[in-house]
Amino acid sequence: MLEKTYKNMNSQITASPGLIADTIDLMNGSGEKSRVKEKPVFRRPVAVAAAIALCLALATPVLAANVPAIYDLMYLVSPAVAQYFVPVQESCENNGVRMEVVSTHIYDDTAEIYVTMRDLTGDRVDETTDLFDSYSLHIPFDSISHCERVGFDETTHTATFLITISTMDGNDIDTRPSKVTFSIGEFLSHKAALENVPVDVDLSGVSEADQTQMVYANGFSGINAEPYRNESGEYTALVPGASLCTPINGLDVTAVGYIDGMLHIQSSTADKLTYDTHGYFYLVDEDGNQIQYDYSVSFFEGEINGENRVDYQEFIFDIPQNELRNHTLYGSFYTSGQKTEGNWRVTFPLTAG
């Protein structure tokens, strides 16, 4: 019975001969773009992988549509072919949370899609719900896109997100029939914020740093930090020590000191990948004026996704050491109280509605 049902499902989803031929031509190098290259040295491994993915898809399209690994491989080979096999499924329920596409609006080269997430069993979805960069968009044409939370309904525990997609070539979206696949692996909620609060660090005794280290940055903010990086791409940072204070649960101030005439203030968190705990510092002088940091450098110790990973962020101020005693350290800090994991995915046509 199961075999018969499965065959019936497969028989309803077939690719046109033209689509298959075009894809095979693309893999064999007979397409317009392929003729530009004279020596396809690395084409064979790619063609093999593409052929495997295509064969899997053509043989079992239902499987390809529901197994993420196969779908992702197909998408790398040909987004148009991959999206062809993904059925329209505008809602998805997993782990007691329902995600649904509620409306789409297309104008010229831009599409706006409203998606909701609703907790059916509790209050894990709230007004602070953050997708935490866990979402992905599969779009079969070159585009620029982003997603943001735009609303929350307390009665139904429903958060609304706006997905905006724009074509990179400026062509109208409605001229190209296509689907979009939007997926989420986790989200954060119940966020806490402590903003513009004094930090319990005495600045009057800050001196030249006793120990420094060279680090590779995985992020930075503020002004251009290029002049402070050496030829090997490293930055000079403080060596972490014992916690000087804990402004918010999960974040510690681990070092303060001067390096080459610049004030460095270092914070650390061991759960950044779990609860996105983070913050920033600024100085306030005796007249109440705020002095913002010039730039910050982020780095980490431990495995990139391991449990022993510790993330650091160092904030650098261009302020003379003899003036620091007349300033107070302030900061704003953020963390999340709950992380919910799941597997939500919706696929919908880009049509006005």
Foldseek 3Di string as FASTA:
>chain_A
DVVVVQVVVLVVAADDPVVVVVLLCVLVQNDPVSVVDDDPPPSVVVSVLQVVLVVVCRVRLVVCQPDVVSLVSNCVSALQVSQSSHDFDQWDDKPQKIKGWDFWAFDQFKIKTKMKIFRRPDQQQDPFKFLLPQKDKRWRAAWDKDKDWDDADPVGNMTMMIIMIGHPVRGGPVVDKTKMKMKGFKIFAAKDKDFFAFDPDQLLPAEAAPDKDWFAFPDKDAPDCVVQADPVRTHIGHDFADFPDDPDPFKGFGDWHDDPQKTKTKMKGQQCVPWVKDKAKWKAFPVGDIGHFRMKTKDWDDDPPDSRIMIMMMTIHNDGSVRRNRITMTMMIMTTDDMDGIITMGMDINDHD
